[in-house]
PDB file of N, CA and C in Angstrom:
ATOM      1  N   MET A   1     146.458  96.277 100.691  1.00  0.00           N
ATOM      2  CA  MET A   1     146.194  94.893 101.007  1.00  0.00           C
ATOM      3  C   MET A   1     145.971  94.741 102.517  1.00  0.00           C
ATOM      4  N   GLU A   2     146.741  95.473 103.299  1.00  0.00           N
ATOM      5  CA  GLU A   2     146.583  95.379 104.748  1.00  0.00           C
ATOM      6  C   GLU A   2     145.201  95.852 105.191  1.00  0.00           C
ATOM      7  N   VAL A   3     144.700  96.907 104.547  1.00  0.00           N
ATOM      8  CA  VAL A   3     143.376  97.423 104.882  1.00  0.00           C
ATOM      9  C   VAL A   3     142.317  96.379 104.542  1.00  0.00           C
ATOM     10  N   CYS A   4     142.428  95.782 103.351  1.00  0.00           N
ATOM     11  CA  CYS A   4     141.471  94.752 102.936  1.00  0.00           C
ATOM     12  C   CYS A   4     141.506  93.569 103.898  1.00  0.00           C
ATOM     13  N   GLU A   5     142.708  93.142 104.250  1.00  0.00           N
ATOM     14  CA  GLU A   5     142.826  92.015 105.175  1.00  0.00           C
ATOM     15  C   GLU A   5     142.247  92.358 106.542  1.00  0.00           C
ATOM     16  N   GLY A   6     142.408  93.612 106.957  1.00  0.00           N
ATOM     17  CA  GLY A   6     141.829  94.046 108.224  1.00  0.00           C
ATOM     18  C   GLY A   6     140.301  94.028 108.199  1.00  0.00           C
ATOM     19  N   ILE A   7     139.734  94.341 107.055  1.00  0.00           N
ATOM     20  CA  ILE A   7     138.279  94.353 106.906  1.00  0.00           C
ATOM     21  C   ILE A   7     137.733  92.937 106.718  1.00  0.00           C
ATOM     22  N   CYS A   8     138.360  92.175 105.821  1.00  0.00           N
ATOM     23  CA  CYS A   8     137.839  90.853 105.448  1.00  0.00           C
ATOM     24  C   CYS A   8     138.369  89.724 106.320  1.00  0.00           C
ATOM     25  N   GLY A   9     139.546  89.910 106.899  1.00  0.00           N
ATOM     26  CA  GLY A   9     140.133  88.872 107.740  1.00  0.00           C
ATOM     27  C   GLY A   9     140.588  87.663 106.939  1.00  0.00           C
ATOM     28  N   GLU A  10     140.897  86.590 107.654  1.00  0.00           N
ATOM     29  CA  GLU A  10     141.297  85.321 107.031  1.00  0.00           C
ATOM     30  C   GLU A  10     140.073  84.646 106.444  1.00  0.00           C
ATOM     31  N   ARG A  11     140.155  84.270 105.156  1.00  0.00           N
ATOM     32  CA  ARG A  11     139.028  83.611 104.492  1.00  0.00           C
ATOM     33  C   ARG A  11     139.551  82.506 103.599  1.00  0.00           C
ATOM     34  N   ASP A  12     138.801  81.417 103.516  1.00  0.00           N
ATOM     35  CA  ASP A  12     139.177  80.311 102.640  1.00  0.00           C
ATOM     36  C   ASP A  12     138.987  80.653 101.168  1.00  0.00           C
ATOM     37  N   ASP A  13     138.088  81.594 100.863  1.00  0.00           N
ATOM     38  CA  ASP A  13     137.783  81.931  99.476  1.00  0.00           C
ATOM     39  C   ASP A  13     138.518  83.178  98.986  1.00  0.00           C
ATOM     40  N   MET A  14     139.539  83.619  99.730  1.00  0.00           N
ATOM     41  CA  MET A  14     140.295  84.801  99.334  1.00  0.00           C
ATOM     42  C   MET A  14     141.773  84.573  99.601  1.00  0.00           C
ATOM     43  N   THR A  15     142.585  84.975  98.629  1.00  0.00           N
ATOM     44  CA  THR A  15     144.029  84.860  98.780  1.00  0.00           C
ATOM     45  C   THR A  15     144.642  86.242  98.618  1.00  0.00           C
ATOM     46  N   TYR A  16     145.499  86.621  99.538  1.00  0.00           N
ATOM     47  CA  TYR A  16     146.197  87.891  99.455  1.00  0.00           C
ATOM     48  C   TYR A  16     147.557  87.651  98.805  1.00  0.00           C
ATOM     49  N   VAL A  17     147.934  88.499  97.855  1.00  0.00           N
ATOM     50  CA  VAL A  17     149.225  88.372  97.178  1.00  0.00           C
ATOM     51  C   VAL A  17     149.943  89.713  97.205  1.00  0.00           C
ATOM     52  N   ASN A  18     151.259  89.665  97.123  1.00  0.00           N
ATOM     53  CA  ASN A  18     152.065  90.880  97.142  1.00  0.00           C
ATOM     54  C   ASN A  18     152.366  91.416  95.749  1.00  0.00           C
ATOM     55  N   ILE A  19     152.268  90.562  94.740  1.00  0.00           N
ATOM     56  CA  ILE A  19     152.559  90.957  93.367  1.00  0.00           C
ATOM     57  C   ILE A  19     151.295  90.753  92.543  1.00  0.00           C
ATOM     58  N   LYS A  20     150.881  91.770  91.810  1.00  0.00           N
ATOM     59  CA  LYS A  20     149.597  91.725  91.092  1.00  0.00           C
ATOM     60  C   LYS A  20     149.497  90.548  90.136  1.00  0.00           C
ATOM     61  N   ASP A  21     150.606  90.158  89.507  1.00  0.00           N
ATOM     62  CA  ASP A  21     150.569  89.034  88.566  1.00  0.00           C
ATOM     63  C   ASP A  21     150.245  87.712  89.250  1.00  0.00           C
ATOM     64  N   GLU A  22     150.575  87.580  90.529  1.00  0.00           N
ATOM     65  CA  GLU A  22     150.252  86.362  91.271  1.00  0.00           C
ATOM     66  C   GLU A  22     148.747  86.163  91.392  1.00  0.00           C
ATOM     67  N   ALA A  23     147.998  87.242  91.377  1.00  0.00           N
ATOM     68  CA  ALA A  23     146.541  87.155  91.505  1.00  0.00           C
ATOM     69  C   ALA A  23     145.901  86.527  90.279  1.00  0.00           C
ATOM     70  N   LEU A  24     146.601  86.517  89.149  1.00  0.00           N
ATOM     71  CA  LEU A  24     146.055  85.972  87.906  1.00  0.00           C
ATOM     72  C   LEU A  24     146.128  84.456  87.826  1.00  0.00           C
ATOM     73  N   GLU A  25     147.092  83.859  88.505  1.00  0.00           N
ATOM     74  CA  GLU A  25     147.327  82.416  88.381  1.00  0.00           C
ATOM     75  C   GLU A  25     146.091  81.625  88.781  1.00  0.00           C
ATOM     76  N   GLY A  26     145.495  80.943  87.796  1.00  0.00           N
ATOM     77  CA  GLY A  26     144.320  80.115  88.049  1.00  0.00           C
ATOM     78  C   GLY A  26     143.012  80.869  88.142  1.00  0.00           C
ATOM     79  N   ALA A  27     143.062  82.199  87.958  1.00  0.00           N
ATOM     80  CA  ALA A  27     141.830  82.995  88.024  1.00  0.00           C
ATOM     81  C   ALA A  27     140.982  82.743  86.783  1.00  0.00           C
ATOM     82  N   ASP A  28     139.678  82.900  86.914  1.00  0.00           N
ATOM     83  CA  ASP A  28     138.760  82.709  85.799  1.00  0.00           C
ATOM     84  C   ASP A  28     138.789  83.887  84.830  1.00  0.00           C
ATOM     85  N   CYS A  29     138.950  85.097  85.348  1.00  0.00           N
ATOM     86  CA  CYS A  29     138.987  86.281  84.500  1.00  0.00           C
ATOM     87  C   CYS A  29     139.659  87.409  85.276  1.00  0.00           C
ATOM     88  N   LEU A  30     139.925  88.508  84.589  1.00  0.00           N
ATOM     89  CA  LEU A  30     140.486  89.703  85.215  1.00  0.00           C
ATOM     90  C   LEU A  30     139.426  90.787  85.201  1.00  0.00           C
ATOM     91  N   VAL A  31     139.160  91.379  86.364  1.00  0.00           N
ATOM     92  CA  VAL A  31     138.240  92.502  86.471  1.00  0.00           C
ATOM     93  C   VAL A  31     139.057  93.711  86.920  1.00  0.00           C
ATOM     94  N   VAL A  32     139.080  94.752  86.091  1.00  0.00           N
ATOM     95  CA  VAL A  32     139.819  95.974  86.405  1.00  0.00           C
ATOM     96  C   VAL A  32     138.834  96.984  86.960  1.00  0.00           C
ATOM     97  N   ARG A  33     139.097  97.423  88.209  1.00  0.00           N
ATOM     98  CA  ARG A  33     138.185  98.377  88.852  1.00  0.00           C
ATOM     99  C   ARG A  33     138.918  99.611  89.349  1.00  0.00           C
ATOM    100  N   THR A  34     140.144  99.802  88.932  1.00  0.00           N
ATOM    101  CA  THR A  34     140.930 100.944  89.382  1.00  0.00           C
ATOM    102  C   THR A  34     141.540 101.654  88.194  1.00  0.00           C
ATOM    103  N   GLU A  35     141.854 102.930  88.365  1.00  0.00           N
ATOM    104  CA  GLU A  35     142.536 103.647  87.293  1.00  0.00           C
ATOM    105  C   GLU A  35     144.020 103.825  87.588  1.00  0.00           C
ATOM    106  N   TRP A  36     144.550 103.061  88.534  1.00  0.00           N
ATOM    107  CA  TRP A  36     145.972 103.163  88.853  1.00  0.00           C
ATOM    108  C   TRP A  36     146.797 102.935  87.591  1.00  0.00           C
ATOM    109  N   LYS A  37     147.820 103.742  87.397  1.00  0.00           N
ATOM    110  CA  LYS A  37     148.636 103.687  86.183  1.00  0.00           C
ATOM    111  C   LYS A  37     149.288 102.325  85.974  1.00  0.00           C
ATOM    112  N   THR A  38     149.551 101.583  87.020  1.00  0.00           N
ATOM    113  CA  THR A  38     150.177 100.263  86.879  1.00  0.00           C
ATOM    114  C   THR A  38     149.309  99.297  86.078  1.00  0.00           C
ATOM    115  N   PHE A  39     148.010  99.590  85.954  1.00  0.00           N
ATOM    116  CA  PHE A  39     147.090  98.727  85.215  1.00  0.00           C
ATOM    117  C   PHE A  39     146.784  99.239  83.809  1.00  0.00           C
ATOM    118  N   TRP A  40     147.344 100.376  83.411  1.00  0.00           N
ATOM    119  CA  TRP A  40     147.011 100.961  82.122  1.00  0.00           C
ATOM    120  C   TRP A  40     147.482 100.126  80.949  1.00  0.00           C
ATOM    121  N   TRP A  41     148.668  99.585  80.990  1.00  0.00           N
ATOM    122  CA  TRP A  41     149.163  98.788  79.866  1.00  0.00           C
ATOM    123  C   TRP A  41     149.952  97.605  80.388  1.00  0.00           C
ATOM    124  N   PRO A  42     149.259  96.613  80.960  1.00  0.00           N
ATOM    125  CA  PRO A  42     149.949  95.430  81.479  1.00  0.00           C
ATOM    126  C   PRO A  42     150.391  94.511  80.347  1.00  0.00           C
ATOM    127  N   ASN A  43     151.055  93.451  80.687  1.00  0.00           N
ATOM    128  CA  ASN A  43     151.481  92.447  79.706  1.00  0.00           C
ATOM    129  C   ASN A  43     150.273  91.558  79.410  1.00  0.00           C
ATOM    130  N   PHE A  44     149.523  91.916  78.368  1.00  0.00           N
ATOM    131  CA  PHE A  44     148.287  91.202  78.058  1.00  0.00           C
ATOM    132  C   PHE A  44     148.533  89.757  77.629  1.00  0.00           C
ATOM    133  N   GLU A  45     149.660  89.505  76.990  1.00  0.00           N
ATOM    134  CA  GLU A  45     149.980  88.131  76.600  1.00  0.00           C
ATOM    135  C   GLU A  45     150.153  87.252  77.844  1.00  0.00           C
ATOM    136  N   ALA A  46     150.811  87.783  78.869  1.00  0.00           N
ATOM    137  CA  ALA A  46     150.978  87.043  80.127  1.00  0.00           C
ATOM    138  C   ALA A  46     149.632  86.851  80.819  1.00  0.00           C
ATOM    139  N   ILE A  47     148.776  87.848  80.742  1.00  0.00           N
ATOM    140  CA  ILE A  47     147.440  87.736  81.324  1.00  0.00           C
ATOM    141  C   ILE A  47     146.666  86.622  80.633  1.00  0.00           C
ATOM    142  N   GLU A  48     146.723  86.593  79.315  1.00  0.00           N
ATOM    143  CA  GLU A  48     146.006  85.569  78.539  1.00  0.00           C
ATOM    144  C   GLU A  48     146.483  84.174  78.921  1.00  0.00           C
ATOM    145  N   ARG A  49     147.785  84.005  79.118  1.00  0.00           N
ATOM    146  CA  ARG A  49     148.330  82.689  79.493  1.00  0.00           C
ATOM    147  C   ARG A  49     147.953  82.289  80.917  1.00  0.00           C
ATOM    148  N   ALA A  50     147.853  83.250  81.823  1.00  0.00           N
ATOM    149  CA  ALA A  50     147.617  82.952  83.237  1.00  0.00           C
ATOM    150  C   ALA A  50     146.160  82.630  83.553  1.00  0.00           C
ATOM    151  N   LEU A  51     145.226  83.257  82.850  1.00  0.00           N
ATOM    152  CA  LEU A  51     143.805  83.082  83.163  1.00  0.00           C
ATOM    153  C   LEU A  51     143.285  81.737  82.664  1.00  0.00           C
ATOM    154  N   SER A  52     142.406  81.123  83.456  1.00  0.00           N
ATOM    155  CA  SER A  52     141.789  79.875  83.011  1.00  0.00           C
ATOM    156  C   SER A  52     140.810  80.145  81.862  1.00  0.00           C
ATOM    157  N   GLU A  53     140.173  81.304  81.844  1.00  0.00           N
ATOM    158  CA  GLU A  53     139.329  81.778  80.743  1.00  0.00           C
ATOM    159  C   GLU A  53     139.863  83.160  80.378  1.00  0.00           C
ATOM    160  N   PRO A  54     140.336  83.363  79.158  1.00  0.00           N
ATOM    161  CA  PRO A  54     140.893  84.673  78.809  1.00  0.00           C
ATOM    162  C   PRO A  54     139.801  85.730  78.614  1.00  0.00           C
ATOM    163  N   ILE A  55     139.381  86.326  79.729  1.00  0.00           N
ATOM    164  CA  ILE A  55     138.330  87.349  79.716  1.00  0.00           C
ATOM    165  C   ILE A  55     138.788  88.512  80.584  1.00  0.00           C
ATOM    166  N   ILE A  56     138.615  89.725  80.074  1.00  0.00           N
ATOM    167  CA  ILE A  56     138.865  90.931  80.863  1.00  0.00           C
ATOM    168  C   ILE A  56     137.574  91.724  80.933  1.00  0.00           C
ATOM    169  N   VAL A  57     137.182  92.105  82.144  1.00  0.00           N
ATOM    170  CA  VAL A  57     136.064  93.016  82.372  1.00  0.00           C
ATOM    171  C   VAL A  57     136.701  94.317  82.845  1.00  0.00           C
ATOM    172  N   ASP A  58     136.595  95.349  82.022  1.00  0.00           N
ATOM    173  CA  ASP A  58     137.291  96.606  82.258  1.00  0.00           C
ATOM    174  C   ASP A  58     136.316  97.646  82.792  1.00  0.00           C
ATOM    175  N   GLY A  59     136.335  97.838  84.086  1.00  0.00           N
ATOM    176  CA  GLY A  59     135.430  98.785  84.727  1.00  0.00           C
ATOM    177  C   GLY A  59     135.812 100.232  84.527  1.00  0.00           C
ATOM    178  N   ARG A  60     136.985 100.499  83.978  1.00  0.00           N
ATOM    179  CA  ARG A  60     137.456 101.855  83.757  1.00  0.00           C
ATOM    180  C   ARG A  60     137.690 102.175  82.285  1.00  0.00           C
ATOM    181  N   ASN A  61     137.438 101.176  81.405  1.00  0.00           N
ATOM    182  CA  ASN A  61     137.653 101.351  79.960  1.00  0.00           C
ATOM    183  C   ASN A  61     139.057 101.870  79.655  1.00  0.00           C
ATOM    184  N   LEU A  62     140.041 101.227  80.284  1.00  0.00           N
ATOM    185  CA  LEU A  62     141.440 101.586  80.095  1.00  0.00           C
ATOM    186  C   LEU A  62     142.069 100.903  78.886  1.00  0.00           C
ATOM    187  N   CYS A  63     141.484  99.796  78.462  1.00  0.00           N
ATOM    188  CA  CYS A  63     142.115  98.948  77.445  1.00  0.00           C
ATOM    189  C   CYS A  63     141.601  99.262  76.047  1.00  0.00           C
ATOM    190  N   ASP A  64     142.413  98.913  75.058  1.00  0.00           N
ATOM    191  CA  ASP A  64     142.039  99.031  73.653  1.00  0.00           C
ATOM    192  C   ASP A  64     141.347  97.723  73.256  1.00  0.00           C
ATOM    193  N   PRO A  65     140.036  97.733  73.069  1.00  0.00           N
ATOM    194  CA  PRO A  65     139.292  96.501  72.799  1.00  0.00           C
ATOM    195  C   PRO A  65     139.780  95.722  71.581  1.00  0.00           C
ATOM    196  N   LYS A  66     140.154  96.412  70.509  1.00  0.00           N
ATOM    197  CA  LYS A  66     140.600  95.717  69.303  1.00  0.00           C
ATOM    198  C   LYS A  66     141.919  94.987  69.541  1.00  0.00           C
ATOM    199  N   TYR A  67     142.829  95.618  70.258  1.00  0.00           N
ATOM    200  CA  TYR A  67     144.100  94.956  70.560  1.00  0.00           C
ATOM    201  C   TYR A  67     143.868  93.734  71.444  1.00  0.00           C
ATOM    202  N   ILE A  68     143.048  93.889  72.471  1.00  0.00           N
ATOM    203  CA  ILE A  68     142.770  92.787  73.399  1.00  0.00           C
ATOM    204  C   ILE A  68     142.197  91.594  72.630  1.00  0.00           C
ATOM    205  N   ALA A  69     141.244  91.841  71.755  1.00  0.00           N
ATOM    206  CA  ALA A  69     140.645  90.768  70.966  1.00  0.00           C
ATOM    207  C   ALA A  69     141.658  90.141  70.017  1.00  0.00           C
ATOM    208  N   SER A  70     142.593  90.936  69.495  1.00  0.00           N
ATOM    209  CA  SER A  70     143.569  90.414  68.534  1.00  0.00           C
ATOM    210  C   SER A  70     144.508  89.384  69.144  1.00  0.00           C
ATOM    211  N   ILE A  71     144.656  89.405  70.465  1.00  0.00           N
ATOM    212  CA  ILE A  71     145.522  88.414  71.115  1.00  0.00           C
ATOM    213  C   ILE A  71     144.711  87.295  71.770  1.00  0.00           C
ATOM    214  N   GLY A  72     143.395  87.268  71.498  1.00  0.00           N
ATOM    215  CA  GLY A  72     142.577  86.140  71.930  1.00  0.00           C
ATOM    216  C   GLY A  72     141.883  86.281  73.266  1.00  0.00           C
ATOM    217  N   ILE A  73     141.740  87.503  73.752  1.00  0.00           N
ATOM    218  CA  ILE A  73     141.054  87.736  75.025  1.00  0.00           C
ATOM    219  C   ILE A  73     139.699  88.361  74.746  1.00  0.00           C
ATOM    220  N   GLU A  74     138.648  87.828  75.370  1.00  0.00           N
ATOM    221  CA  GLU A  74     137.331  88.480  75.301  1.00  0.00           C
ATOM    222  C   GLU A  74     137.392  89.719  76.172  1.00  0.00           C
ATOM    223  N   TYR A  75     136.842  90.814  75.666  1.00  0.00           N
ATOM    224  CA  TYR A  75     136.914  92.086  76.372  1.00  0.00           C
ATOM    225  C   TYR A  75     135.520  92.667  76.566  1.00  0.00           C
ATOM    226  N   TYR A  76     135.204  92.977  77.814  1.00  0.00           N
ATOM    227  CA  TYR A  76     133.942  93.628  78.159  1.00  0.00           C
ATOM    228  C   TYR A  76     134.272  94.939  78.861  1.00  0.00           C
ATOM    229  N   GLY A  77     133.956  96.039  78.212  1.00  0.00           N
ATOM    230  CA  GLY A  77     134.130  97.346  78.829  1.00  0.00           C
ATOM    231  C   GLY A  77     132.806  97.785  79.429  1.00  0.00           C
ATOM    232  N   ILE A  78     132.834  98.254  80.651  1.00  0.00           N
ATOM    233  CA  ILE A  78     131.607  98.708  81.293  1.00  0.00           C
ATOM    234  C   ILE A  78     131.025  99.851  80.466  1.00  0.00           C
ATOM    235  N   GLY A  79     129.774  99.699  80.074  1.00  0.00           N
ATOM    236  CA  GLY A  79     129.108 100.658  79.206  1.00  0.00           C
ATOM    237  C   GLY A  79     129.339 100.367  77.734  1.00  0.00           C
ATOM    238  N   ARG A  80     130.275  99.448  77.428  1.00  0.00           N
ATOM    239  CA  ARG A  80     130.573  99.071  76.044  1.00  0.00           C
ATOM    240  C   ARG A  80     130.032  97.689  75.711  1.00  0.00           C
ATOM    241  N   GLY A  81     129.884  96.825  76.714  1.00  0.00           N
ATOM    242  CA  GLY A  81     129.511  95.435  76.476  1.00  0.00           C
ATOM    243  C   GLY A  81     130.667  94.663  75.871  1.00  0.00           C
ATOM    244  N   LEU A  82     130.373  93.593  75.156  1.00  0.00           N
ATOM    245  CA  LEU A  82     131.409  92.841  74.457  1.00  0.00           C
ATOM    246  C   LEU A  82     131.815  93.690  73.267  1.00  0.00           C
ATOM    247  N   SER A  83     132.982  94.291  73.389  1.00  0.00           N
ATOM    248  CA  SER A  83     133.386  95.307  72.414  1.00  0.00           C
ATOM    249  C   SER A  83     133.807  94.716  71.082  1.00  0.00           C
ATOM    250  N   VAL A  84     134.539  93.623  71.100  1.00  0.00           N
ATOM    251  CA  VAL A  84     135.045  93.034  69.875  1.00  0.00           C
ATOM    252  C   VAL A  84     134.966  91.525  70.019  1.00  0.00           C
ATOM    253  N   LYS A  85     134.280  90.879  69.105  1.00  0.00           N
ATOM    254  CA  LYS A  85     134.203  89.419  69.114  1.00  0.00           C
ATOM    255  C   LYS A  85     135.550  88.837  68.742  1.00  0.00           C
ATOM    256  N   GLN A  86     135.928  87.762  69.429  1.00  0.00           N
ATOM    257  CA  GLN A  86     137.153  87.047  69.061  1.00  0.00           C
ATOM    258  C   GLN A  86     136.979  86.450  67.678  1.00  0.00           C
ATOM    259  N   GLN A  87     138.054  86.409  66.920  1.00  0.00           N
ATOM    260  CA  GLN A  87     138.019  85.828  65.587  1.00  0.00           C
ATOM    261  C   GLN A  87     138.258  84.333  65.662  1.00  0.00           C
TER     262      GLN A  87
END
């Protein structure tokens, strides 16, 4: 976070947070672009409640698309597209 803040500086359109879950509050969707193990199996129910639109764009294809759809989140895996339509 310190490196990003050093590069981007203070901005009105960016908020820095210390806890990853804080970044979800009021966000439109979640975009996963890292393979860090902390993101492999997050609390998807909490993610669904926190997002203004329950959408995950998975740039690393870490998530199970069928499970994500079963809890009401639209899932887009890079190279997969919309993997499972919500019921």
